[in-house]
Amino acid sequence: MTEPELYVELTQIFRAVFADDDIVLRPETNADDVEGWDSFTHLNLMIAVEMHFGIKLRTTEVDGMANVADLAKVILSRAEAQT
């Protein structure tokens, strides 16, 4: 999976979790940029990501994420490890 393909999939997940079809993700997008991104929706988002990509995120990974680029980096590294 390429990074642009990943961002398309992540955008779909974000739009579903936040019920907002206008979300446009950029690498620097963070919780301050998305209305309603609180601790509860963060958990829902991480679960949706895990289910979609068939991965299990570690607590240390989630705690270290400052923006969407950090999330993408973890997903891509997992995808590379599985191939």
Protein backbone atom coordinates (compact mmCIF):
# COMPACT_ATOMS: atom_id res chain seq x y z
CA MET A 1 0.00 0.00 0.00
CA THR A 2 1.29 3.43 -0.89
CA GLU A 3 1.06 6.43 1.38
CA PRO A 4 -1.51 8.19 -0.87
CA GLU A 5 -3.66 5.03 -0.86
CA LEU A 6 -3.39 4.88 2.92
CA TYR A 7 -4.56 8.47 3.27
CA VAL A 8 -7.61 7.70 1.10
CA GLU A 9 -8.51 4.79 3.40
CA LEU A 10 -7.82 6.79 6.56
CA THR A 11 -9.98 9.63 5.26
CA GLN A 12 -12.87 7.19 4.81
CA ILE A 13 -12.39 5.89 8.36
CA PHE A 14 -12.24 9.40 9.83
CA ARG A 15 -15.34 10.47 7.92
CA ALA A 16 -17.25 7.44 9.21
CA VAL A 17 -16.12 7.78 12.83
CA PHE A 18 -16.76 11.52 12.98
CA ALA A 19 -19.84 11.42 10.70
CA ASP A 20 -18.35 14.25 8.64
CA ASP A 21 -17.88 13.84 4.89
CA ASP A 22 -15.96 17.11 4.70
CA ILE A 23 -12.89 15.88 6.59
CA VAL A 24 -9.72 16.18 4.54
CA LEU A 25 -6.67 14.61 6.16
CA ARG A 26 -3.18 15.97 5.91
CA PRO A 27 -0.10 14.59 7.64
CA GLU A 28 -0.21 17.37 10.22
CA THR A 29 -3.93 16.88 11.05
CA ASN A 30 -4.42 16.36 14.78
CA ALA A 31 -7.22 16.33 17.35
CA ASP A 32 -7.35 20.13 17.42
CA ASP A 33 -8.21 20.17 13.71
CA VAL A 34 -11.22 17.83 13.80
CA GLU A 35 -14.41 18.87 15.56
CA GLY A 36 -15.47 16.29 18.11
CA TRP A 37 -12.09 14.54 18.38
CA ASP A 38 -12.07 13.86 22.09
CA SER A 39 -10.84 10.90 24.12
CA PHE A 40 -13.97 8.85 23.42
CA THR A 41 -13.89 9.33 19.66
CA HIS A 42 -10.13 8.75 19.73
CA LEU A 43 -10.77 5.26 21.12
CA ASN A 44 -13.43 4.65 18.48
CA LEU A 45 -11.04 5.86 15.80
CA MET A 46 -8.22 3.57 16.94
CA ILE A 47 -10.61 0.59 17.05
CA ALA A 48 -11.88 1.40 13.56
CA VAL A 49 -8.29 1.62 12.29
CA GLU A 50 -7.41 -1.70 13.90
CA MET A 51 -10.44 -3.41 12.41
CA HIS A 52 -9.97 -1.93 8.95
CA PHE A 53 -6.28 -2.77 8.64
CA GLY A 54 -6.34 -6.00 10.69
CA ILE A 55 -3.73 -4.77 13.16
CA LYS A 56 -3.48 -4.29 16.91
CA LEU A 57 -2.06 -0.95 17.99
CA ARG A 58 0.12 -0.92 21.09
CA THR A 59 -0.66 1.59 23.83
CA THR A 60 2.83 3.05 23.50
CA GLU A 61 2.26 3.60 19.78
CA VAL A 62 -1.07 5.33 20.33
CA ASP A 63 0.34 7.48 23.13
CA GLY A 64 3.20 8.58 20.86
CA MET A 65 0.94 9.75 18.02
CA ALA A 66 0.78 13.51 17.65
CA ASN A 67 -0.90 13.65 14.24
CA VAL A 68 -2.18 11.61 11.29
CA ALA A 69 1.35 11.22 9.89
CA ASP A 70 2.34 9.32 13.04
CA LEU A 71 -0.68 7.02 12.64
CA ALA A 72 0.12 6.46 8.97
CA LYS A 73 3.74 5.62 9.82
CA VAL A 74 2.65 2.88 12.23
CA ILE A 75 0.16 1.41 9.75
CA LEU A 76 2.69 1.41 6.91
CA SER A 77 5.35 -0.21 9.07
CA ARG A 78 2.90 -2.96 10.01
CA ALA A 79 1.96 -3.47 6.36
CA GLU A 80 5.64 -3.81 5.42
CA ALA A 81 6.22 -6.31 8.24
CA GLN A 82 3.35 -8.50 7.02
CA THR A 83 4.73 -8.81 3.48
